[in-house]
Amino acid sequence: MSKVIISTDSPADVPAEIRERFGIRVIPLHIVMGENCYEDGVNITTADLFAFYEKTGLLPKTSAVSIAEYEDFFKELTADGSAVVHLSFTAKLSSTHQNARLAAEAFDNVYVVDSKSLTTGITLLCIKAAEMAAAGCDAPTIAHEMEYKREKVVTTFILDKLEFLHKGGRCSGVAALGANILGIKPSIVMRDGELVVGKKYRGKSEACELQYVRDLLAQYAGQIDTDRIILCHTEGVSDAQLKVLQKEIHKTLKFKEYITCGVGCTITAHCGEKTFSIEFMLR
């Protein structure tokens, strides 16, 4: 049986330690700032995004991986006879999935699955897939299981400001709220691969984040897979606040593994500063 490699797109925000531990391979989306184009996670940082925005007032733009880039990526991964299961950024927010599917047609051992998720919700799927690969499952079996597992991923986040997501136009519910109406800090929910507005919070960021955590854990009480939980964030969420939030989670549920990580350029370009998220899976 051939080795199975798990791969994904950079908006999965897979932490470096998780990439190394599970052998997950990542292909970068593109970040466009003015006339310059960069590779997410390769030659640009989130600090660069905010510096560009402060200087120009313009949002950085994101661009999908091309079919040709996917073909080169899959060719490299399968060169030694390995099979690939690629968990793509949600098809409803990007053409990455379609491009990956088209590129995979040139290979008989590459399987592309729409994660219907973003950021570390995809990371959770990648870990589950890598664990199956390590247990000896073949690529078709893993791909089929991921189509089931993706429905078990809870992907939500809370915004500090609406400006970036409002201007980016990726969530119609946020557009309806306006740029920063009444200081609302909405939670955004990934539902069937697209973003919708969830519960709305008002007040200081730290208090809103804490209540968001409490509400989310209460909503899914008794259903949560306690293997691992991921706390991810864009710039501006302090280490001290992350410790407070993790402590709050630990009061309710004892997870086997807590992962804390920053969010990369693709997601940051649409969410802005002080965006916080917890990602977990249901049983």
C-alpha atoms as a PDB file:
ATOM      1  CA  MET A   1       0.000   0.000   0.000  1.00  0.00           C
ATOM      2  CA  SER A   2       1.349   3.431  -0.966  1.00  0.00           C
ATOM      3  CA  LYS A   3       2.069   6.126   1.586  1.00  0.00           C
ATOM      4  CA  VAL A   4      -0.696   8.732   1.988  1.00  0.00           C
ATOM      5  CA  ILE A   5       0.241  12.409   2.325  1.00  0.00           C
ATOM      6  CA  ILE A   6      -2.250  14.898   3.755  1.00  0.00           C
ATOM      7  CA  SER A   7      -2.146  18.369   2.237  1.00  0.00           C
ATOM      8  CA  THR A   8      -4.141  21.567   2.474  1.00  0.00           C
ATOM      9  CA  ASP A   9      -4.259  25.268   1.556  1.00  0.00           C
ATOM     10  CA  SER A  10      -2.611  28.006   3.616  1.00  0.00           C
ATOM     11  CA  PRO A  11      -5.919  29.394   5.009  1.00  0.00           C
ATOM     12  CA  ALA A  12      -5.998  26.214   7.132  1.00  0.00           C
ATOM     13  CA  ASP A  13      -3.457  28.019   9.350  1.00  0.00           C
ATOM     14  CA  VAL A  14      -1.795  24.747  10.342  1.00  0.00           C
ATOM     15  CA  PRO A  15       0.715  25.514  13.128  1.00  0.00           C
ATOM     16  CA  ALA A  16       4.310  24.624  12.260  1.00  0.00           C
ATOM     17  CA  GLU A  17       4.517  22.072  15.067  1.00  0.00           C
ATOM     18  CA  ILE A  18       1.402  20.287  13.779  1.00  0.00           C
ATOM     19  CA  ARG A  19       2.745  20.291  10.214  1.00  0.00           C
ATOM     20  CA  GLU A  20       5.944  18.649  11.415  1.00  0.00           C
ATOM     21  CA  ARG A  21       4.270  16.175  13.770  1.00  0.00           C
ATOM     22  CA  PHE A  22       1.782  14.898  11.182  1.00  0.00           C
ATOM     23  CA  GLY A  23       3.675  15.537   7.941  1.00  0.00           C
ATOM     24  CA  ILE A  24       0.982  17.871   6.602  1.00  0.00           C
ATOM     25  CA  ARG A  25       1.941  19.735   3.429  1.00  0.00           C
ATOM     26  CA  VAL A  26       0.614  23.215   2.679  1.00  0.00           C
ATOM     27  CA  ILE A  27       0.313  25.197  -0.550  1.00  0.00           C
ATOM     28  CA  PRO A  28       0.112  29.002  -0.202  1.00  0.00           C
ATOM     29  CA  LEU A  29      -2.599  31.275  -1.529  1.00  0.00           C
ATOM     30  CA  HIS A  30      -1.509  34.670  -2.848  1.00  0.00           C
ATOM     31  CA  ILE A  31      -1.721  38.020  -1.092  1.00  0.00           C
ATOM     32  CA  VAL A  32      -1.906  41.055  -3.381  1.00  0.00           C
ATOM     33  CA  MET A  33      -0.929  44.466  -2.041  1.00  0.00           C
ATOM     34  CA  GLY A  34      -0.885  47.156  -4.673  1.00  0.00           C
ATOM     35  CA  GLU A  35       1.253  45.930  -7.550  1.00  0.00           C
ATOM     36  CA  ASN A  36       3.025  43.293  -5.464  1.00  0.00           C
ATOM     37  CA  CYS A  37       1.987  39.662  -5.035  1.00  0.00           C
ATOM     38  CA  TYR A  38       3.175  37.489  -2.148  1.00  0.00           C
ATOM     39  CA  GLU A  39       2.779  33.898  -0.967  1.00  0.00           C
ATOM     40  CA  ASP A  40       0.801  33.453   2.231  1.00  0.00           C
ATOM     41  CA  GLY A  41       3.054  32.205   5.009  1.00  0.00           C
ATOM     42  CA  VAL A  42       6.170  32.317   2.813  1.00  0.00           C
ATOM     43  CA  ASN A  43       7.301  35.874   2.158  1.00  0.00           C
ATOM     44  CA  ILE A  44       4.734  38.061   3.914  1.00  0.00           C
ATOM     45  CA  THR A  45       3.555  38.512   7.500  1.00  0.00           C
ATOM     46  CA  THR A  46       0.325  39.769   9.009  1.00  0.00           C
ATOM     47  CA  ALA A  47       2.257  42.814  10.260  1.00  0.00           C
ATOM     48  CA  ASP A  48       2.935  43.642   6.604  1.00  0.00           C
ATOM     49  CA  LEU A  49      -0.815  43.548   5.910  1.00  0.00           C
ATOM     50  CA  PHE A  50      -1.651  46.043   8.630  1.00  0.00           C
ATOM     51  CA  ALA A  51       1.240  48.316   7.634  1.00  0.00           C
ATOM     52  CA  PHE A  52      -0.052  48.368   4.047  1.00  0.00           C
ATOM     53  CA  TYR A  53      -3.592  49.102   5.219  1.00  0.00           C
ATOM     54  CA  GLU A  54      -2.503  51.919   7.528  1.00  0.00           C
ATOM     55  CA  LYS A  55      -0.428  53.485   4.764  1.00  0.00           C
ATOM     56  CA  THR A  56      -2.909  53.187   1.896  1.00  0.00           C
ATOM     57  CA  GLY A  57      -6.342  52.651   3.425  1.00  0.00           C
ATOM     58  CA  LEU A  58      -6.720  49.721   1.046  1.00  0.00           C
ATOM     59  CA  LEU A  59      -7.413  46.139   2.057  1.00  0.00           C
ATOM     60  CA  PRO A  60      -4.925  43.546   0.867  1.00  0.00           C
ATOM     61  CA  LYS A  61      -6.519  41.167  -1.629  1.00  0.00           C
ATOM     62  CA  THR A  62      -6.270  37.394  -1.691  1.00  0.00           C
ATOM     63  CA  SER A  63      -5.910  35.245  -4.777  1.00  0.00           C
ATOM     64  CA  ALA A  64      -6.481  31.503  -5.228  1.00  0.00           C
ATOM     65  CA  VAL A  65      -3.870  28.923  -6.105  1.00  0.00           C
ATOM     66  CA  SER A  66      -3.889  28.336  -9.870  1.00  0.00           C
ATOM     67  CA  ILE A  67      -4.492  24.980 -11.542  1.00  0.00           C
ATOM     68  CA  ALA A  68      -0.887  24.933 -12.763  1.00  0.00           C
ATOM     69  CA  GLU A  69       0.427  25.567  -9.244  1.00  0.00           C
ATOM     70  CA  TYR A  70      -1.673  22.700  -7.900  1.00  0.00           C
ATOM     71  CA  GLU A  71      -0.416  20.424 -10.660  1.00  0.00           C
ATOM     72  CA  ASP A  72       3.194  21.186  -9.707  1.00  0.00           C
ATOM     73  CA  PHE A  73       2.375  20.702  -6.018  1.00  0.00           C
ATOM     74  CA  PHE A  74       0.672  17.340  -6.538  1.00  0.00           C
ATOM     75  CA  LYS A  75       3.415  16.209  -8.917  1.00  0.00           C
ATOM     76  CA  GLU A  76       6.023  16.791  -6.215  1.00  0.00           C
ATOM     77  CA  LEU A  77       4.004  15.008  -3.532  1.00  0.00           C
ATOM     78  CA  THR A  78       3.290  11.944  -5.677  1.00  0.00           C
ATOM     79  CA  ALA A  79       6.757  11.645  -7.239  1.00  0.00           C
ATOM     80  CA  ASP A  80       7.702   8.748  -4.964  1.00  0.00           C
ATOM     81  CA  GLY A  81       4.411   6.920  -5.531  1.00  0.00           C
ATOM     82  CA  SER A  82       2.603   8.453  -2.572  1.00  0.00           C
ATOM     83  CA  ALA A  83      -1.117   9.132  -2.705  1.00  0.00           C
ATOM     84  CA  VAL A  84      -2.504  12.507  -1.604  1.00  0.00           C
ATOM     85  CA  VAL A  85      -5.653  13.572   0.212  1.00  0.00           C
ATOM     86  CA  HIS A  86      -5.991  17.339  -0.149  1.00  0.00           C
ATOM     87  CA  LEU A  87      -8.375  19.153   2.195  1.00  0.00           C
ATOM     88  CA  SER A  88      -9.214  22.401   0.452  1.00  0.00           C
ATOM     89  CA  PHE A  89     -10.357  25.787   1.685  1.00  0.00           C
ATOM     90  CA  THR A  90     -14.161  25.957   1.489  1.00  0.00           C
ATOM     91  CA  ALA A  91     -15.411  26.049  -2.097  1.00  0.00           C
ATOM     92  CA  LYS A  92     -18.033  28.701  -1.320  1.00  0.00           C
ATOM     93  CA  LEU A  93     -15.427  31.333  -0.457  1.00  0.00           C
ATOM     94  CA  SER A  94     -12.677  30.627  -2.984  1.00  0.00           C
ATOM     95  CA  SER A  95     -11.953  28.953  -6.309  1.00  0.00           C
ATOM     96  CA  THR A  96      -9.116  26.997  -4.681  1.00  0.00           C
ATOM     97  CA  HIS A  97     -11.237  23.853  -4.376  1.00  0.00           C
ATOM     98  CA  GLN A  98     -12.308  23.917  -8.012  1.00  0.00           C
ATOM     99  CA  ASN A  99      -8.742  24.528  -9.171  1.00  0.00           C
ATOM    100  CA  ALA A 100      -7.429  21.703  -7.004  1.00  0.00           C
ATOM    101  CA  ARG A 101     -10.093  19.337  -8.343  1.00  0.00           C
ATOM    102  CA  LEU A 102      -9.195  20.222 -11.937  1.00  0.00           C
ATOM    103  CA  ALA A 103      -5.487  19.753 -11.244  1.00  0.00           C
ATOM    104  CA  ALA A 104      -6.140  16.386  -9.569  1.00  0.00           C
ATOM    105  CA  GLU A 105      -7.667  15.055 -12.793  1.00  0.00           C
ATOM    106  CA  ALA A 106      -4.120  14.665 -14.120  1.00  0.00           C
ATOM    107  CA  PHE A 107      -3.345  12.162 -11.339  1.00  0.00           C
ATOM    108  CA  ASP A 108      -4.835   8.817 -10.402  1.00  0.00           C
ATOM    109  CA  ASN A 109      -3.797   9.018  -6.747  1.00  0.00           C
ATOM    110  CA  VAL A 110      -4.848  12.532  -5.661  1.00  0.00           C
ATOM    111  CA  TYR A 111      -8.151  13.004  -3.830  1.00  0.00           C
ATOM    112  CA  VAL A 112      -9.496  16.505  -3.184  1.00  0.00           C
ATOM    113  CA  VAL A 113     -12.080  17.082  -0.456  1.00  0.00           C
ATOM    114  CA  ASP A 114     -13.914  20.354   0.157  1.00  0.00           C
ATOM    115  CA  SER A 115     -13.370  21.011   3.869  1.00  0.00           C
ATOM    116  CA  LYS A 116     -16.383  23.354   3.972  1.00  0.00           C
ATOM    117  CA  SER A 117     -14.314  25.188   6.549  1.00  0.00           C
ATOM    118  CA  LEU A 118     -11.519  27.662   7.055  1.00  0.00           C
ATOM    119  CA  THR A 119      -8.601  28.361   9.368  1.00  0.00           C
ATOM    120  CA  THR A 120      -7.940  25.732  12.042  1.00  0.00           C
ATOM    121  CA  GLY A 121     -11.254  23.990  11.429  1.00  0.00           C
ATOM    122  CA  ILE A 122      -9.383  22.588   8.426  1.00  0.00           C
ATOM    123  CA  THR A 123      -6.400  21.825  10.652  1.00  0.00           C
ATOM    124  CA  LEU A 124      -8.605  19.563  12.774  1.00  0.00           C
ATOM    125  CA  LEU A 125      -9.600  17.609   9.670  1.00  0.00           C
ATOM    126  CA  CYS A 126      -5.971  17.377   8.546  1.00  0.00           C
ATOM    127  CA  ILE A 127      -4.991  15.882  11.898  1.00  0.00           C
ATOM    128  CA  LYS A 128      -7.797  13.305  11.752  1.00  0.00           C
ATOM    129  CA  ALA A 129      -6.802  12.416   8.182  1.00  0.00           C
ATOM    130  CA  ALA A 130      -3.113  12.116   9.134  1.00  0.00           C
ATOM    131  CA  GLU A 131      -4.003   9.839  12.040  1.00  0.00           C
ATOM    132  CA  MET A 132      -5.945   7.594   9.650  1.00  0.00           C
ATOM    133  CA  ALA A 133      -2.998   7.548   7.240  1.00  0.00           C
ATOM    134  CA  ALA A 134      -0.641   6.582  10.069  1.00  0.00           C
ATOM    135  CA  ALA A 135      -3.031   3.756  10.990  1.00  0.00           C
ATOM    136  CA  GLY A 136      -2.718   2.345   7.455  1.00  0.00           C
ATOM    137  CA  CYS A 137      -5.914   3.572   5.812  1.00  0.00           C
ATOM    138  CA  ASP A 138      -5.744   4.148   2.064  1.00  0.00           C
ATOM    139  CA  ALA A 139      -6.419   7.484   0.379  1.00  0.00           C
ATOM    140  CA  PRO A 140      -9.967   6.735  -0.913  1.00  0.00           C
ATOM    141  CA  THR A 141     -11.025   5.624   2.574  1.00  0.00           C
ATOM    142  CA  ILE A 142      -9.563   8.730   4.190  1.00  0.00           C
ATOM    143  CA  ALA A 143     -11.154  11.054   1.617  1.00  0.00           C
ATOM    144  CA  HIS A 144     -14.556   9.424   2.127  1.00  0.00           C
ATOM    145  CA  GLU A 145     -14.257   9.685   5.916  1.00  0.00           C
ATOM    146  CA  MET A 146     -13.317  13.369   5.678  1.00  0.00           C
ATOM    147  CA  GLU A 147     -16.551  14.062   3.795  1.00  0.00           C
ATOM    148  CA  TYR A 148     -18.306  12.768   6.904  1.00  0.00           C
ATOM    149  CA  LYS A 149     -15.965  14.355   9.452  1.00  0.00           C
ATOM    150  CA  ARG A 150     -16.217  17.837   7.912  1.00  0.00           C
ATOM    151  CA  GLU A 151     -19.831  17.991   9.118  1.00  0.00           C
ATOM    152  CA  LYS A 152     -18.534  17.502  12.671  1.00  0.00           C
ATOM    153  CA  VAL A 153     -16.244  20.550  12.666  1.00  0.00           C
ATOM    154  CA  VAL A 154     -17.431  23.601  14.586  1.00  0.00           C
ATOM    155  CA  THR A 155     -15.878  26.697  13.021  1.00  0.00           C
ATOM    156  CA  THR A 156     -16.844  30.060  14.499  1.00  0.00           C
ATOM    157  CA  PHE A 157     -15.069  33.262  15.425  1.00  0.00           C
ATOM    158  CA  ILE A 158     -15.786  36.601  17.039  1.00  0.00           C
ATOM    159  CA  LEU A 159     -14.805  39.885  15.414  1.00  0.00           C
ATOM    160  CA  ASP A 160     -13.547  42.917  17.292  1.00  0.00           C
ATOM    161  CA  LYS A 161     -14.417  45.223  14.380  1.00  0.00           C
ATOM    162  CA  LEU A 162     -16.519  44.657  11.274  1.00  0.00           C
ATOM    163  CA  GLU A 163     -14.408  46.787   8.957  1.00  0.00           C
ATOM    164  CA  PHE A 164     -12.311  44.139   7.199  1.00  0.00           C
ATOM    165  CA  LEU A 165     -15.026  41.526   6.731  1.00  0.00           C
ATOM    166  CA  HIS A 166     -17.505  44.233   5.745  1.00  0.00           C
ATOM    167  CA  LYS A 167     -15.217  45.660   3.063  1.00  0.00           C
ATOM    168  CA  GLY A 168     -14.196  42.207   1.835  1.00  0.00           C
ATOM    169  CA  GLY A 169     -17.805  41.253   1.143  1.00  0.00           C
ATOM    170  CA  ARG A 170     -17.379  37.581   2.099  1.00  0.00           C
ATOM    171  CA  CYS A 171     -20.269  37.587   4.568  1.00  0.00           C
ATOM    172  CA  SER A 172     -23.552  39.164   3.459  1.00  0.00           C
ATOM    173  CA  GLY A 173     -24.806  39.306   7.042  1.00  0.00           C
ATOM    174  CA  VAL A 174     -21.904  41.533   8.044  1.00  0.00           C
ATOM    175  CA  ALA A 175     -22.536  43.765   5.036  1.00  0.00           C
ATOM    176  CA  ALA A 176     -26.090  44.231   6.276  1.00  0.00           C
ATOM    177  CA  LEU A 177     -24.840  45.307   9.708  1.00  0.00           C
ATOM    178  CA  GLY A 178     -22.709  48.103   8.305  1.00  0.00           C
ATOM    179  CA  ALA A 179     -19.106  48.970   9.051  1.00  0.00           C
ATOM    180  CA  ASN A 180     -19.153  49.334  12.848  1.00  0.00           C
ATOM    181  CA  ILE A 181     -22.754  49.847  13.871  1.00  0.00           C
ATOM    182  CA  LEU A 182     -23.272  50.370  17.619  1.00  0.00           C
ATOM    183  CA  GLY A 183     -19.958  48.729  18.461  1.00  0.00           C
ATOM    184  CA  ILE A 184     -21.354  45.282  17.741  1.00  0.00           C
ATOM    185  CA  LYS A 185     -18.900  42.382  17.919  1.00  0.00           C
ATOM    186  CA  PRO A 186     -20.647  39.571  16.053  1.00  0.00           C
ATOM    187  CA  SER A 187     -19.770  35.920  16.118  1.00  0.00           C
ATOM    188  CA  ILE A 188     -19.418  34.490  12.627  1.00  0.00           C
ATOM    189  CA  VAL A 189     -20.444  30.895  12.001  1.00  0.00           C
ATOM    190  CA  MET A 190     -19.302  28.592   9.212  1.00  0.00           C
ATOM    191  CA  ARG A 191     -22.485  26.899   8.006  1.00  0.00           C
ATOM    192  CA  ASP A 192     -22.380  24.471   5.090  1.00  0.00           C
ATOM    193  CA  GLY A 193     -19.210  26.090   3.787  1.00  0.00           C
ATOM    194  CA  GLU A 194     -20.235  29.727   3.985  1.00  0.00           C
ATOM    195  CA  LEU A 195     -20.141  32.478   6.593  1.00  0.00           C
ATOM    196  CA  VAL A 196     -23.238  33.675   8.432  1.00  0.00           C
ATOM    197  CA  VAL A 197     -23.706  36.023  11.374  1.00  0.00           C
ATOM    198  CA  GLY A 198     -24.334  34.319  14.716  1.00  0.00           C
ATOM    199  CA  LYS A 199     -24.873  35.853  18.123  1.00  0.00           C
ATOM    200  CA  LYS A 200     -23.991  39.539  18.511  1.00  0.00           C
ATOM    201  CA  TYR A 201     -22.017  40.839  21.488  1.00  0.00           C
ATOM    202  CA  ARG A 202     -21.438  44.339  22.867  1.00  0.00           C
ATOM    203  CA  GLY A 203     -18.796  45.585  25.251  1.00  0.00           C
ATOM    204  CA  LYS A 204     -15.060  45.274  25.716  1.00  0.00           C
ATOM    205  CA  SER A 205     -13.315  42.698  23.543  1.00  0.00           C
ATOM    206  CA  GLU A 206     -12.104  40.563  26.454  1.00  0.00           C
ATOM    207  CA  ALA A 207     -15.562  40.299  28.030  1.00  0.00           C
ATOM    208  CA  CYS A 208     -17.179  39.512  24.682  1.00  0.00           C
ATOM    209  CA  GLU A 209     -14.625  36.781  23.939  1.00  0.00           C
ATOM    210  CA  LEU A 210     -15.203  35.198  27.326  1.00  0.00           C
ATOM    211  CA  GLN A 211     -18.975  35.148  26.878  1.00  0.00           C
ATOM    212  CA  TYR A 212     -18.548  33.798  23.332  1.00  0.00           C
ATOM    213  CA  VAL A 213     -16.547  30.861  24.730  1.00  0.00           C
ATOM    214  CA  ARG A 214     -19.173  30.160  27.384  1.00  0.00           C
ATOM    215  CA  ASP A 215     -22.024  30.343  24.899  1.00  0.00           C
ATOM    216  CA  LEU A 216     -20.340  28.059  22.382  1.00  0.00           C
ATOM    217  CA  LEU A 217     -19.464  25.366  24.908  1.00  0.00           C
ATOM    218  CA  ALA A 218     -22.987  25.504  26.321  1.00  0.00           C
ATOM    219  CA  GLN A 219     -24.510  25.263  22.856  1.00  0.00           C
ATOM    220  CA  TYR A 220     -22.666  22.002  22.129  1.00  0.00           C
ATOM    221  CA  ALA A 221     -22.693  20.557  25.660  1.00  0.00           C
ATOM    222  CA  GLY A 222     -22.481  16.770  25.620  1.00  0.00           C
ATOM    223  CA  GLN A 223     -21.554  16.612  21.918  1.00  0.00           C
ATOM    224  CA  ILE A 224     -17.922  17.726  21.847  1.00  0.00           C
ATOM    225  CA  ASP A 225     -15.003  15.472  20.898  1.00  0.00           C
ATOM    226  CA  THR A 226     -12.484  16.169  23.653  1.00  0.00           C
ATOM    227  CA  ASP A 227      -9.415  14.961  21.734  1.00  0.00           C
ATOM    228  CA  ARG A 228      -8.315  18.526  21.050  1.00  0.00           C
ATOM    229  CA  ILE A 229      -9.405  22.130  20.828  1.00  0.00           C
ATOM    230  CA  ILE A 230      -7.699  24.966  18.971  1.00  0.00           C
ATOM    231  CA  LEU A 231      -7.647  28.591  20.085  1.00  0.00           C
ATOM    232  CA  CYS A 232      -6.625  30.763  17.153  1.00  0.00           C
ATOM    233  CA  HIS A 233      -6.453  34.503  16.743  1.00  0.00           C
ATOM    234  CA  THR A 234      -5.274  37.399  14.642  1.00  0.00           C
ATOM    235  CA  GLU A 235      -2.915  40.062  15.983  1.00  0.00           C
ATOM    236  CA  GLY A 236      -4.053  41.997  19.031  1.00  0.00           C
ATOM    237  CA  VAL A 237      -5.289  39.153  21.226  1.00  0.00           C
ATOM    238  CA  SER A 238      -2.835  39.063  24.141  1.00  0.00           C
ATOM    239  CA  ASP A 239      -1.177  35.990  25.624  1.00  0.00           C
ATOM    240  CA  ALA A 240      -2.753  36.899  28.959  1.00  0.00           C
ATOM    241  CA  GLN A 241      -6.225  36.901  27.406  1.00  0.00           C
ATOM    242  CA  LEU A 242      -5.581  33.567  25.721  1.00  0.00           C
ATOM    243  CA  LYS A 243      -4.677  32.076  29.100  1.00  0.00           C
ATOM    244  CA  VAL A 244      -7.922  33.421  30.579  1.00  0.00           C
ATOM    245  CA  LEU A 245      -9.930  31.902  27.735  1.00  0.00           C
ATOM    246  CA  GLN A 246      -8.166  28.548  27.955  1.00  0.00           C
ATOM    247  CA  LYS A 247      -8.767  28.467  31.707  1.00  0.00           C
ATOM    248  CA  GLU A 248     -12.456  29.129  31.075  1.00  0.00           C
ATOM    249  CA  ILE A 249     -12.625  26.257  28.607  1.00  0.00           C
ATOM    250  CA  HIS A 250     -10.829  23.965  31.050  1.00  0.00           C
ATOM    251  CA  LYS A 251     -13.452  24.744  33.721  1.00  0.00           C
ATOM    252  CA  THR A 252     -16.127  23.267  31.449  1.00  0.00           C
ATOM    253  CA  LEU A 253     -14.319  20.503  29.550  1.00  0.00           C
ATOM    254  CA  LYS A 254     -10.992  18.735  29.875  1.00  0.00           C
ATOM    255  CA  PHE A 255      -9.477  18.349  26.428  1.00  0.00           C
ATOM    256  CA  LYS A 256      -6.561  15.977  25.832  1.00  0.00           C
ATOM    257  CA  GLU A 257      -4.772  18.651  23.812  1.00  0.00           C
ATOM    258  CA  TYR A 258      -5.002  22.445  23.695  1.00  0.00           C
ATOM    259  CA  ILE A 259      -3.461  24.132  20.647  1.00  0.00           C
ATOM    260  CA  THR A 260      -2.976  27.902  20.510  1.00  0.00           C
ATOM    261  CA  CYS A 261      -1.870  29.617  17.313  1.00  0.00           C
ATOM    262  CA  GLY A 262      -1.932  32.776  15.272  1.00  0.00           C
ATOM    263  CA  VAL A 263      -3.869  33.173  12.049  1.00  0.00           C
ATOM    264  CA  GLY A 264      -2.143  33.664   8.704  1.00  0.00           C
ATOM    265  CA  CYS A 265      -2.419  36.363   6.087  1.00  0.00           C
ATOM    266  CA  THR A 266      -5.365  35.047   4.051  1.00  0.00           C
ATOM    267  CA  ILE A 267      -7.765  34.919   6.989  1.00  0.00           C
ATOM    268  CA  THR A 268      -6.357  38.066   8.615  1.00  0.00           C
ATOM    269  CA  ALA A 269      -6.903  39.995   5.371  1.00  0.00           C
ATOM    270  CA  HIS A 270     -10.633  39.374   5.759  1.00  0.00           C
ATOM    271  CA  CYS A 271     -11.045  39.530   9.545  1.00  0.00           C
ATOM    272  CA  GLY A 272      -8.700  42.234  10.816  1.00  0.00           C
ATOM    273  CA  GLU A 273      -7.155  42.566  14.265  1.00  0.00           C
ATOM    274  CA  LYS A 274      -8.405  41.019  17.533  1.00  0.00           C
ATOM    275  CA  THR A 275     -10.387  38.251  15.887  1.00  0.00           C
ATOM    276  CA  PHE A 276     -10.622  35.199  18.137  1.00  0.00           C
ATOM    277  CA  SER A 277     -11.823  31.693  17.430  1.00  0.00           C
ATOM    278  CA  ILE A 278     -12.108  28.302  19.083  1.00  0.00           C
ATOM    279  CA  GLU A 279     -12.351  25.251  16.868  1.00  0.00           C
ATOM    280  CA  PHE A 280     -13.355  21.759  17.893  1.00  0.00           C
ATOM    281  CA  MET A 281     -15.114  18.706  16.526  1.00  0.00           C
ATOM    282  CA  LEU A 282     -18.277  16.945  17.591  1.00  0.00           C
ATOM    283  CA  ARG A 283     -18.393  13.265  18.401  1.00  0.00           C
END
